[in-house]
Amino acid sequence: MWRDAPGESMRRFLLTLALAAVVALAGCGGSGGVASDVGAVVGMIDRAELTAGAANLQQWRQAHNTYAGAASGLSGVTVVRADGDTWCLQTTSAHEVGPGGTPASGPC
């Protein structure tokens, strides 16, 4: 039986969601053109991946009473910093400082 690597099901779901957004944007005839539509989708993927990674870190915190040692659980999201009370997750083009932060462009 074939099984997904950890996080691959979520990654496929996010990519499917992004593809649906591209199709929807193309059908709406947005004024920004294809380049801005693609940029919006990439941003949406980063936000979704960071949100999923943050949820994984929160589960770790509930089980271990610290963020230290936690992993994002997603191949495209790196835990740059995690200590007892805070963390910073990063993708290739965005980051999120938490808990309680929101995704932003650039590195941690």
PDB file of N, CA and C in Angstrom:
ATOM      1  N   MET A   1       0.841  -1.182   0.000  1.00  0.00           N
ATOM      2  CA  MET A   1       0.000   0.000   0.000  1.00  0.00           C
ATOM      3  C   MET A   1       0.880   1.237   0.000  1.00  0.00           C
ATOM      4  N   TRP A   2       0.588   2.205  -0.854  1.00  0.00           N
ATOM      5  CA  TRP A   2       1.358   3.435  -0.966  1.00  0.00           C
ATOM      6  C   TRP A   2       0.884   4.421   0.081  1.00  0.00           C
ATOM      7  N   ARG A   3       1.834   5.036   0.788  1.00  0.00           N
ATOM      8  CA  ARG A   3       1.479   6.001   1.829  1.00  0.00           C
ATOM      9  C   ARG A   3       2.212   7.300   1.582  1.00  0.00           C
ATOM     10  N   ASP A   4       1.567   8.400   1.926  1.00  0.00           N
ATOM     11  CA  ASP A   4       2.186   9.717   1.804  1.00  0.00           C
ATOM     12  C   ASP A   4       3.245   9.899   2.876  1.00  0.00           C
ATOM     13  N   ALA A   5       4.283  10.639   2.526  1.00  0.00           N
ATOM     14  CA  ALA A   5       5.243  11.072   3.528  1.00  0.00           C
ATOM     15  C   ALA A   5       4.536  12.067   4.436  1.00  0.00           C
ATOM     16  N   PRO A   6       5.014  12.248   5.684  1.00  0.00           N
ATOM     17  CA  PRO A   6       4.360  13.208   6.576  1.00  0.00           C
ATOM     18  C   PRO A   6       4.266  14.585   5.921  1.00  0.00           C
ATOM     19  N   GLY A   7       3.100  15.169   5.971  1.00  0.00           N
ATOM     20  CA  GLY A   7       2.888  16.504   5.428  1.00  0.00           C
ATOM     21  C   GLY A   7       2.542  16.551   3.952  1.00  0.00           C
ATOM     22  N   GLU A   8       2.734  15.461   3.220  1.00  0.00           N
ATOM     23  CA  GLU A   8       2.489  15.488   1.782  1.00  0.00           C
ATOM     24  C   GLU A   8       1.004  15.609   1.455  1.00  0.00           C
ATOM     25  N   SER A   9       0.143  15.019   2.245  1.00  0.00           N
ATOM     26  CA  SER A   9      -1.299  15.156   2.003  1.00  0.00           C
ATOM     27  C   SER A   9      -1.708  16.613   2.143  1.00  0.00           C
ATOM     28  N   MET A  10      -1.187  17.287   3.177  1.00  0.00           N
ATOM     29  CA  MET A  10      -1.498  18.700   3.378  1.00  0.00           C
ATOM     30  C   MET A  10      -0.937  19.527   2.230  1.00  0.00           C
ATOM     31  N   ARG A  11       0.260  19.222   1.783  1.00  0.00           N
ATOM     32  CA  ARG A  11       0.881  19.970   0.683  1.00  0.00           C
ATOM     33  C   ARG A  11       0.058  19.799  -0.597  1.00  0.00           C
ATOM     34  N   ARG A  12      -0.397  18.573  -0.884  1.00  0.00           N
ATOM     35  CA  ARG A  12      -1.236  18.346  -2.063  1.00  0.00           C
ATOM     36  C   ARG A  12      -2.542  19.110  -1.953  1.00  0.00           C
ATOM     37  N   PHE A  13      -3.125  19.133  -0.752  1.00  0.00           N
ATOM     38  CA  PHE A  13      -4.360  19.877  -0.534  1.00  0.00           C
ATOM     39  C   PHE A  13      -4.139  21.368  -0.794  1.00  0.00           C
ATOM     40  N   LEU A  14      -3.037  21.912  -0.273  1.00  0.00           N
ATOM     41  CA  LEU A  14      -2.743  23.334  -0.467  1.00  0.00           C
ATOM     42  C   LEU A  14      -2.507  23.659  -1.932  1.00  0.00           C
ATOM     43  N   LEU A  15      -1.819  22.778  -2.646  1.00  0.00           N
ATOM     44  CA  LEU A  15      -1.584  23.008  -4.068  1.00  0.00           C
ATOM     45  C   LEU A  15      -2.888  22.939  -4.858  1.00  0.00           C
ATOM     46  N   THR A  16      -3.775  22.027  -4.486  1.00  0.00           N
ATOM     47  CA  THR A  16      -5.082  21.938  -5.137  1.00  0.00           C
ATOM     48  C   THR A  16      -5.887  23.202  -4.875  1.00  0.00           C
ATOM     49  N   LEU A  17      -5.835  23.685  -3.640  1.00  0.00           N
ATOM     50  CA  LEU A  17      -6.515  24.920  -3.290  1.00  0.00           C
ATOM     51  C   LEU A  17      -5.960  26.088  -4.101  1.00  0.00           C
ATOM     52  N   ALA A  18      -4.645  26.143  -4.252  1.00  0.00           N
ATOM     53  CA  ALA A  18      -4.023  27.212  -5.037  1.00  0.00           C
ATOM     54  C   ALA A  18      -4.434  27.133  -6.493  1.00  0.00           C
ATOM     55  N   LEU A  19      -4.470  25.939  -7.039  1.00  0.00           N
ATOM     56  CA  LEU A  19      -4.890  25.774  -8.431  1.00  0.00           C
ATOM     57  C   LEU A  19      -6.326  26.244  -8.616  1.00  0.00           C
ATOM     58  N   ALA A  20      -7.176  25.921  -7.670  1.00  0.00           N
ATOM     59  CA  ALA A  20      -8.565  26.375  -7.743  1.00  0.00           C
ATOM     60  C   ALA A  20      -8.633  27.900  -7.722  1.00  0.00           C
ATOM     61  N   ALA A  21      -7.773  28.528  -6.926  1.00  0.00           N
ATOM     62  CA  ALA A  21      -7.749  29.986  -6.873  1.00  0.00           C
ATOM     63  C   ALA A  21      -7.297  30.580  -8.196  1.00  0.00           C
ATOM     64  N   VAL A  22      -6.299  29.964  -8.831  1.00  0.00           N
ATOM     65  CA  VAL A  22      -5.833  30.451 -10.141  1.00  0.00           C
ATOM     66  C   VAL A  22      -6.958  30.360 -11.158  1.00  0.00           C
ATOM     67  N   VAL A  23      -7.649  29.247 -11.173  1.00  0.00           N
ATOM     68  CA  VAL A  23      -8.757  29.071 -12.108  1.00  0.00           C
ATOM     69  C   VAL A  23      -9.839  30.116 -11.833  1.00  0.00           C
ATOM     70  N   ALA A  24     -10.148  30.339 -10.571  1.00  0.00           N
ATOM     71  CA  ALA A  24     -11.176  31.321 -10.222  1.00  0.00           C
ATOM     72  C   ALA A  24     -10.749  32.725 -10.622  1.00  0.00           C
ATOM     73  N   LEU A  25      -9.500  33.076 -10.354  1.00  0.00           N
ATOM     74  CA  LEU A  25      -9.007  34.408 -10.722  1.00  0.00           C
ATOM     75  C   LEU A  25      -8.993  34.593 -12.233  1.00  0.00           C
ATOM     76  N   ALA A  26      -8.600  33.558 -12.953  1.00  0.00           N
ATOM     77  CA  ALA A  26      -8.573  33.646 -14.414  1.00  0.00           C
ATOM     78  C   ALA A  26      -9.990  33.827 -14.953  1.00  0.00           C
ATOM     79  N   GLY A  27     -10.944  33.162 -14.354  1.00  0.00           N
ATOM     80  CA  GLY A  27     -12.329  33.260 -14.801  1.00  0.00           C
ATOM     81  C   GLY A  27     -12.952  34.596 -14.472  1.00  0.00           C
ATOM     82  N   CYS A  28     -12.424  35.292 -13.454  1.00  0.00           N
ATOM     83  CA  CYS A  28     -12.987  36.588 -13.069  1.00  0.00           C
ATOM     84  C   CYS A  28     -12.442  37.724 -13.906  1.00  0.00           C
ATOM     85  N   GLY A  29     -11.431  37.461 -14.723  1.00  0.00           N
ATOM     86  CA  GLY A  29     -10.880  38.509 -15.575  1.00  0.00           C
ATOM     87  C   GLY A  29     -10.267  39.636 -14.782  1.00  0.00           C
ATOM     88  N   GLY A  30      -9.511  39.293 -13.718  1.00  0.00           N
ATOM     89  CA  GLY A  30      -8.876  40.302 -12.883  1.00  0.00           C
ATOM     90  C   GLY A  30      -7.999  41.236 -13.697  1.00  0.00           C
ATOM     91  N   SER A  31      -7.868  42.486 -13.242  1.00  0.00           N
ATOM     92  CA  SER A  31      -7.136  43.503 -13.991  1.00  0.00           C
ATOM     93  C   SER A  31      -5.634  43.403 -13.801  1.00  0.00           C
ATOM     94  N   GLY A  32      -5.158  42.609 -12.829  1.00  0.00           N
ATOM     95  CA  GLY A  32      -3.734  42.557 -12.542  1.00  0.00           C
ATOM     96  C   GLY A  32      -2.955  41.667 -13.482  1.00  0.00           C
ATOM     97  N   GLY A  33      -3.602  40.847 -14.260  1.00  0.00           N
ATOM     98  CA  GLY A  33      -2.914  39.955 -15.176  1.00  0.00           C
ATOM     99  C   GLY A  33      -2.453  38.685 -14.497  1.00  0.00           C
ATOM    100  N   VAL A  34      -1.884  37.805 -15.307  1.00  0.00           N
ATOM    101  CA  VAL A  34      -1.467  36.490 -14.826  1.00  0.00           C
ATOM    102  C   VAL A  34      -0.372  36.597 -13.784  1.00  0.00           C
ATOM    103  N   ALA A  35       0.600  37.489 -13.956  1.00  0.00           N
ATOM    104  CA  ALA A  35       1.714  37.597 -13.009  1.00  0.00           C
ATOM    105  C   ALA A  35       1.229  37.942 -11.610  1.00  0.00           C
ATOM    106  N   SER A  36       0.306  38.886 -11.491  1.00  0.00           N
ATOM    107  CA  SER A  36      -0.185  39.232 -10.159  1.00  0.00           C
ATOM    108  C   SER A  36      -1.062  38.124  -9.596  1.00  0.00           C
ATOM    109  N   ASP A  37      -1.799  37.426 -10.460  1.00  0.00           N
ATOM    110  CA  ASP A  37      -2.606  36.297 -10.003  1.00  0.00           C
ATOM    111  C   ASP A  37      -1.712  35.203  -9.444  1.00  0.00           C
ATOM    112  N   VAL A  38      -0.625  34.894 -10.125  1.00  0.00           N
ATOM    113  CA  VAL A  38       0.302  33.869  -9.654  1.00  0.00           C
ATOM    114  C   VAL A  38       0.931  34.311  -8.342  1.00  0.00           C
ATOM    115  N   GLY A  39       1.303  35.580  -8.246  1.00  0.00           N
ATOM    116  CA  GLY A  39       1.868  36.095  -7.000  1.00  0.00           C
ATOM    117  C   GLY A  39       0.894  35.975  -5.843  1.00  0.00           C
ATOM    118  N   ALA A  40      -0.364  36.239  -6.106  1.00  0.00           N
ATOM    119  CA  ALA A  40      -1.384  36.118  -5.068  1.00  0.00           C
ATOM    120  C   ALA A  40      -1.535  34.677  -4.613  1.00  0.00           C
ATOM    121  N   VAL A  41      -1.471  33.749  -5.560  1.00  0.00           N
ATOM    122  CA  VAL A  41      -1.596  32.329  -5.211  1.00  0.00           C
ATOM    123  C   VAL A  41      -0.397  31.867  -4.410  1.00  0.00           C
ATOM    124  N   VAL A  42       0.810  32.282  -4.814  1.00  0.00           N
ATOM    125  CA  VAL A  42       2.006  31.911  -4.056  1.00  0.00           C
ATOM    126  C   VAL A  42       1.890  32.429  -2.632  1.00  0.00           C
ATOM    127  N   GLY A  43       1.436  33.682  -2.478  1.00  0.00           N
ATOM    128  CA  GLY A  43       1.237  34.232  -1.145  1.00  0.00           C
ATOM    129  C   GLY A  43       0.215  33.443  -0.350  1.00  0.00           C
ATOM    130  N   MET A  44      -0.831  33.000  -1.014  1.00  0.00           N
ATOM    131  CA  MET A  44      -1.867  32.213  -0.355  1.00  0.00           C
ATOM    132  C   MET A  44      -1.301  30.863   0.102  1.00  0.00           C
ATOM    133  N   ILE A  45      -0.454  30.253  -0.716  1.00  0.00           N
ATOM    134  CA  ILE A  45       0.162  28.974  -0.342  1.00  0.00           C
ATOM    135  C   ILE A  45       1.065  29.172   0.876  1.00  0.00           C
ATOM    136  N   ASP A  46       1.886  30.225   0.853  1.00  0.00           N
ATOM    137  CA  ASP A  46       2.750  30.503   2.005  1.00  0.00           C
ATOM    138  C   ASP A  46       1.924  30.682   3.268  1.00  0.00           C
ATOM    139  N   ARG A  47       0.857  31.473   3.191  1.00  0.00           N
ATOM    140  CA  ARG A  47       0.012  31.689   4.367  1.00  0.00           C
ATOM    141  C   ARG A  47      -0.588  30.379   4.864  1.00  0.00           C
ATOM    142  N   ALA A  48      -1.068  29.567   3.947  1.00  0.00           N
ATOM    143  CA  ALA A  48      -1.678  28.289   4.337  1.00  0.00           C
ATOM    144  C   ALA A  48      -0.651  27.362   4.976  1.00  0.00           C
ATOM    145  N   GLU A  49       0.543  27.300   4.389  1.00  0.00           N
ATOM    146  CA  GLU A  49       1.588  26.444   4.961  1.00  0.00           C
ATOM    147  C   GLU A  49       2.018  26.942   6.342  1.00  0.00           C
ATOM    148  N   LEU A  50       2.172  28.257   6.503  1.00  0.00           N
ATOM    149  CA  LEU A  50       2.553  28.806   7.800  1.00  0.00           C
ATOM    150  C   LEU A  50       1.464  28.568   8.842  1.00  0.00           C
ATOM    151  N   THR A  51       0.218  28.686   8.433  1.00  0.00           N
ATOM    152  CA  THR A  51      -0.889  28.425   9.351  1.00  0.00           C
ATOM    153  C   THR A  51      -0.901  26.965   9.798  1.00  0.00           C
ATOM    154  N   ALA A  52      -0.680  26.056   8.860  1.00  0.00           N
ATOM    155  CA  ALA A  52      -0.622  24.627   9.198  1.00  0.00           C
ATOM    156  C   ALA A  52       0.572  24.338  10.108  1.00  0.00           C
ATOM    157  N   GLY A  53       1.719  24.931   9.810  1.00  0.00           N
ATOM    158  CA  GLY A  53       2.903  24.751  10.652  1.00  0.00           C
ATOM    159  C   GLY A  53       2.669  25.291  12.051  1.00  0.00           C
ATOM    160  N   ALA A  54       2.016  26.452  12.152  1.00  0.00           N
ATOM    161  CA  ALA A  54       1.714  27.041  13.462  1.00  0.00           C
ATOM    162  C   ALA A  54       0.803  26.123  14.271  1.00  0.00           C
ATOM    163  N   ALA A  55      -0.155  25.499  13.621  1.00  0.00           N
ATOM    164  CA  ALA A  55      -1.048  24.556  14.314  1.00  0.00           C
ATOM    165  C   ALA A  55      -0.257  23.362  14.839  1.00  0.00           C
ATOM    166  N   ASN A  56       0.720  22.887  14.057  1.00  0.00           N
ATOM    167  CA  ASN A  56       1.560  21.774  14.503  1.00  0.00           C
ATOM    168  C   ASN A  56       2.404  22.177  15.708  1.00  0.00           C
ATOM    169  N   LEU A  57       2.935  23.393  15.702  1.00  0.00           N
ATOM    170  CA  LEU A  57       3.705  23.869  16.845  1.00  0.00           C
ATOM    171  C   LEU A  57       2.825  24.008  18.085  1.00  0.00           C
ATOM    172  N   GLN A  58       1.588  24.437  17.891  1.00  0.00           N
ATOM    173  CA  GLN A  58       0.679  24.564  19.024  1.00  0.00           C
ATOM    174  C   GLN A  58       0.369  23.187  19.638  1.00  0.00           C
ATOM    175  N   GLN A  59       0.219  22.183  18.797  1.00  0.00           N
ATOM    176  CA  GLN A  59       0.004  20.826  19.310  1.00  0.00           C
ATOM    177  C   GLN A  59       1.217  20.366  20.121  1.00  0.00           C
ATOM    178  N   TRP A  60       2.417  20.678  19.617  1.00  0.00           N
ATOM    179  CA  TRP A  60       3.645  20.324  20.337  1.00  0.00           C
ATOM    180  C   TRP A  60       3.642  21.009  21.711  1.00  0.00           C
ATOM    181  N   ARG A  61       3.291  22.282  21.733  1.00  0.00           N
ATOM    182  CA  ARG A  61       3.276  23.054  22.984  1.00  0.00           C
ATOM    183  C   ARG A  61       2.304  22.440  23.995  1.00  0.00           C
ATOM    184  N   GLN A  62       1.147  22.015  23.503  1.00  0.00           N
ATOM    185  CA  GLN A  62       0.176  21.410  24.409  1.00  0.00           C
ATOM    186  C   GLN A  62       0.702  20.108  25.000  1.00  0.00           C
ATOM    187  N   ALA A  63       1.465  19.358  24.217  1.00  0.00           N
ATOM    188  CA  ALA A  63       1.980  18.079  24.690  1.00  0.00           C
ATOM    189  C   ALA A  63       3.237  18.225  25.548  1.00  0.00           C
ATOM    190  N   HIS A  64       4.075  19.270  25.283  1.00  0.00           N
ATOM    191  CA  HIS A  64       5.383  19.376  25.936  1.00  0.00           C
ATOM    192  C   HIS A  64       5.565  20.643  26.769  1.00  0.00           C
ATOM    193  N   ASN A  65       4.568  21.517  26.791  1.00  0.00           N
ATOM    194  CA  ASN A  65       4.612  22.771  27.546  1.00  0.00           C
ATOM    195  C   ASN A  65       5.761  23.688  27.106  1.00  0.00           C
ATOM    196  N   THR A  66       6.210  23.550  25.868  1.00  0.00           N
ATOM    197  CA  THR A  66       7.246  24.390  25.282  1.00  0.00           C
ATOM    198  C   THR A  66       7.174  24.253  23.761  1.00  0.00           C
ATOM    199  N   TYR A  67       7.693  25.252  23.067  1.00  0.00           N
ATOM    200  CA  TYR A  67       7.826  25.134  21.615  1.00  0.00           C
ATOM    201  C   TYR A  67       9.186  24.565  21.240  1.00  0.00           C
ATOM    202  N   ALA A  68      10.126  24.578  22.185  1.00  0.00           N
ATOM    203  CA  ALA A  68      11.482  24.085  21.923  1.00  0.00           C
ATOM    204  C   ALA A  68      11.433  22.630  21.456  1.00  0.00           C
ATOM    205  N   GLY A  69      12.145  22.346  20.385  1.00  0.00           N
ATOM    206  CA  GLY A  69      12.198  20.997  19.850  1.00  0.00           C
ATOM    207  C   GLY A  69      11.093  20.664  18.865  1.00  0.00           C
ATOM    208  N   ALA A  70      10.173  21.595  18.652  1.00  0.00           N
ATOM    209  CA  ALA A  70       9.047  21.338  17.754  1.00  0.00           C
ATOM    210  C   ALA A  70       9.486  21.365  16.291  1.00  0.00           C
ATOM    211  N   ALA A  71       8.762  20.636  15.463  1.00  0.00           N
ATOM    212  CA  ALA A  71       8.974  20.639  14.015  1.00  0.00           C
ATOM    213  C   ALA A  71       7.689  21.130  13.352  1.00  0.00           C
ATOM    214  N   SER A  72       7.833  21.731  12.181  1.00  0.00           N
ATOM    215  CA  SER A  72       6.655  22.267  11.497  1.00  0.00           C
ATOM    216  C   SER A  72       5.754  21.164  10.961  1.00  0.00           C
ATOM    217  N   GLY A  73       6.340  20.021  10.620  1.00  0.00           N
ATOM    218  CA  GLY A  73       5.570  18.929  10.054  1.00  0.00           C
ATOM    219  C   GLY A  73       5.316  19.073   8.566  1.00  0.00           C
ATOM    220  N   LEU A  74       5.862  20.118   7.947  1.00  0.00           N
ATOM    221  CA  LEU A  74       5.679  20.368   6.519  1.00  0.00           C
ATOM    222  C   LEU A  74       7.042  20.543   5.863  1.00  0.00           C
ATOM    223  N   SER A  75       7.219  19.933   4.699  1.00  0.00           N
ATOM    224  CA  SER A  75       8.528  19.973   4.046  1.00  0.00           C
ATOM    225  C   SER A  75       8.929  21.370   3.597  1.00  0.00           C
ATOM    226  N   GLY A  76       8.011  22.262   3.336  1.00  0.00           N
ATOM    227  CA  GLY A  76       8.352  23.594   2.865  1.00  0.00           C
ATOM    228  C   GLY A  76       8.407  24.655   3.946  1.00  0.00           C
ATOM    229  N   VAL A  77       8.271  24.256   5.217  1.00  0.00           N
ATOM    230  CA  VAL A  77       8.241  25.207   6.326  1.00  0.00           C
ATOM    231  C   VAL A  77       9.322  24.846   7.332  1.00  0.00           C
ATOM    232  N   THR A  78      10.187  25.818   7.633  1.00  0.00           N
ATOM    233  CA  THR A  78      11.305  25.608   8.555  1.00  0.00           C
ATOM    234  C   THR A  78      11.034  26.314   9.878  1.00  0.00           C
ATOM    235  N   VAL A  79      11.326  25.630  10.967  1.00  0.00           N
ATOM    236  CA  VAL A  79      11.286  26.273  12.281  1.00  0.00           C
ATOM    237  C   VAL A  79      12.646  26.953  12.452  1.00  0.00           C
ATOM    238  N   VAL A  80      12.671  28.258  12.333  1.00  0.00           N
ATOM    239  CA  VAL A  80      13.921  29.006  12.460  1.00  0.00           C
ATOM    240  C   VAL A  80      14.286  29.171  13.925  1.00  0.00           C
ATOM    241  N   ARG A  81      13.277  29.401  14.751  1.00  0.00           N
ATOM    242  CA  ARG A  81      13.498  29.600  16.176  1.00  0.00           C
ATOM    243  C   ARG A  81      12.285  29.084  16.928  1.00  0.00           C
ATOM    244  N   ALA A  82      12.536  28.374  18.026  1.00  0.00           N
ATOM    245  CA  ALA A  82      11.455  27.924  18.911  1.00  0.00           C
ATOM    246  C   ALA A  82      12.028  27.780  20.314  1.00  0.00           C
ATOM    247  N   ASP A  83      11.405  28.456  21.266  1.00  0.00           N
ATOM    248  CA  ASP A  83      11.846  28.357  22.657  1.00  0.00           C
ATOM    249  C   ASP A  83      10.634  28.042  23.530  1.00  0.00           C
ATOM    250  N   GLY A  84      10.712  28.345  24.782  1.00  0.00           N
ATOM    251  CA  GLY A  84       9.622  28.018  25.684  1.00  0.00           C
ATOM    252  C   GLY A  84       8.308  28.706  25.368  1.00  0.00           C
ATOM    253  N   ASP A  85       8.394  29.935  24.857  1.00  0.00           N
ATOM    254  CA  ASP A  85       7.174  30.721  24.690  1.00  0.00           C
ATOM    255  C   ASP A  85       6.910  31.247  23.287  1.00  0.00           C
ATOM    256  N   THR A  86       7.900  31.260  22.404  1.00  0.00           N
ATOM    257  CA  THR A  86       7.721  31.858  21.084  1.00  0.00           C
ATOM    258  C   THR A  86       8.388  31.015  20.009  1.00  0.00           C
ATOM    259  N   TRP A  87       8.079  31.353  18.755  1.00  0.00           N
ATOM    260  CA  TRP A  87       8.671  30.654  17.620  1.00  0.00           C
ATOM    261  C   TRP A  87       8.641  31.548  16.389  1.00  0.00           C
ATOM    262  N   CYS A  88       9.406  31.153  15.367  1.00  0.00           N
ATOM    263  CA  CYS A  88       9.336  31.794  14.064  1.00  0.00           C
ATOM    264  C   CYS A  88       9.432  30.710  13.000  1.00  0.00           C
ATOM    265  N   LEU A  89       8.437  30.668  12.134  1.00  0.00           N
ATOM    266  CA  LEU A  89       8.399  29.730  11.013  1.00  0.00           C
ATOM    267  C   LEU A  89       8.712  30.490   9.741  1.00  0.00           C
ATOM    268  N   GLN A  90       9.317  29.789   8.771  1.00  0.00           N
ATOM    269  CA  GLN A  90       9.703  30.449   7.528  1.00  0.00           C
ATOM    270  C   GLN A  90       9.526  29.525   6.331  1.00  0.00           C
ATOM    271  N   THR A  91       9.018  30.096   5.232  1.00  0.00           N
ATOM    272  CA  THR A  91       9.006  29.424   3.931  1.00  0.00           C
ATOM    273  C   THR A  91      10.060  30.128   3.084  1.00  0.00           C
ATOM    274  N   THR A  92      10.106  29.824   1.798  1.00  0.00           N
ATOM    275  CA  THR A  92      11.103  30.480   0.955  1.00  0.00           C
ATOM    276  C   THR A  92      10.857  31.976   0.799  1.00  0.00           C
ATOM    277  N   SER A  93       9.619  32.435   0.987  1.00  0.00           N
ATOM    278  CA  SER A  93       9.349  33.853   0.763  1.00  0.00           C
ATOM    279  C   SER A  93       8.544  34.539   1.860  1.00  0.00           C
ATOM    280  N   ALA A  94       8.221  33.836   2.939  1.00  0.00           N
ATOM    281  CA  ALA A  94       7.405  34.435   3.993  1.00  0.00           C
ATOM    282  C   ALA A  94       7.772  33.847   5.348  1.00  0.00           C
ATOM    283  N   HIS A  95       7.285  34.485   6.405  1.00  0.00           N
ATOM    284  CA  HIS A  95       7.521  33.996   7.761  1.00  0.00           C
ATOM    285  C   HIS A  95       6.329  34.342   8.647  1.00  0.00           C
ATOM    286  N   GLU A  96       6.322  33.741   9.821  1.00  0.00           N
ATOM    287  CA  GLU A  96       5.316  34.064  10.838  1.00  0.00           C
ATOM    288  C   GLU A  96       5.978  33.919  12.195  1.00  0.00           C
ATOM    289  N   VAL A  97       5.821  34.936  13.052  1.00  0.00           N
ATOM    290  CA  VAL A  97       6.310  34.904  14.417  1.00  0.00           C
ATOM    291  C   VAL A  97       5.107  34.630  15.301  1.00  0.00           C
ATOM    292  N   GLY A  98       5.267  33.724  16.236  1.00  0.00           N
ATOM    293  CA  GLY A  98       4.108  33.374  17.046  1.00  0.00           C
ATOM    294  C   GLY A  98       4.476  33.047  18.469  1.00  0.00           C
ATOM    295  N   PRO A  99       3.453  32.741  19.232  1.00  0.00           N
ATOM    296  CA  PRO A  99       2.074  32.539  18.776  1.00  0.00           C
ATOM    297  C   PRO A  99       1.336  33.869  18.583  1.00  0.00           C
ATOM    298  N   GLY A 100       0.271  33.788  17.851  1.00  0.00           N
ATOM    299  CA  GLY A 100      -0.595  34.935  17.646  1.00  0.00           C
ATOM    300  C   GLY A 100      -0.181  35.870  16.527  1.00  0.00           C
ATOM    301  N   GLY A 101       0.861  35.521  15.777  1.00  0.00           N
ATOM    302  CA  GLY A 101       1.297  36.373  14.688  1.00  0.00           C
ATOM    303  C   GLY A 101       0.517  36.116  13.418  1.00  0.00           C
ATOM    304  N   THR A 102       0.862  36.871  12.400  1.00  0.00           N
ATOM    305  CA  THR A 102       0.258  36.664  11.078  1.00  0.00           C
ATOM    306  C   THR A 102       1.385  36.542  10.074  1.00  0.00           C
ATOM    307  N   PRO A 103       1.178  35.791   9.007  1.00  0.00           N
ATOM    308  CA  PRO A 103       2.204  35.642   7.979  1.00  0.00           C
ATOM    309  C   PRO A 103       2.582  36.996   7.368  1.00  0.00           C
ATOM    310  N   ALA A 104       3.879  37.144   7.103  1.00  0.00           N
ATOM    311  CA  ALA A 104       4.406  38.352   6.465  1.00  0.00           C
ATOM    312  C   ALA A 104       5.490  37.944   5.488  1.00  0.00           C
ATOM    313  N   SER A 105       5.766  38.796   4.525  1.00  0.00           N
ATOM    314  CA  SER A 105       6.788  38.463   3.538  1.00  0.00           C
ATOM    315  C   SER A 105       8.169  38.573   4.163  1.00  0.00           C
ATOM    316  N   GLY A 106       9.138  37.871   3.551  1.00  0.00           N
ATOM    317  CA  GLY A 106      10.520  37.924   3.988  1.00  0.00           C
ATOM    318  C   GLY A 106      10.855  36.882   5.040  1.00  0.00           C
ATOM    319  N   PRO A 107      12.132  36.850   5.427  1.00  0.00           N
ATOM    320  CA  PRO A 107      12.600  35.854   6.406  1.00  0.00           C
ATOM    321  C   PRO A 107      12.282  36.256   7.839  1.00  0.00           C
ATOM    322  N   CYS A 108      12.479  35.327   8.754  1.00  0.00           N
ATOM    323  CA  CYS A 108      12.307  35.598  10.192  1.00  0.00           C
ATOM    324  C   CYS A 108      13.247  36.706  10.633  1.00  0.00           C
TER     325      CYS A 108
END
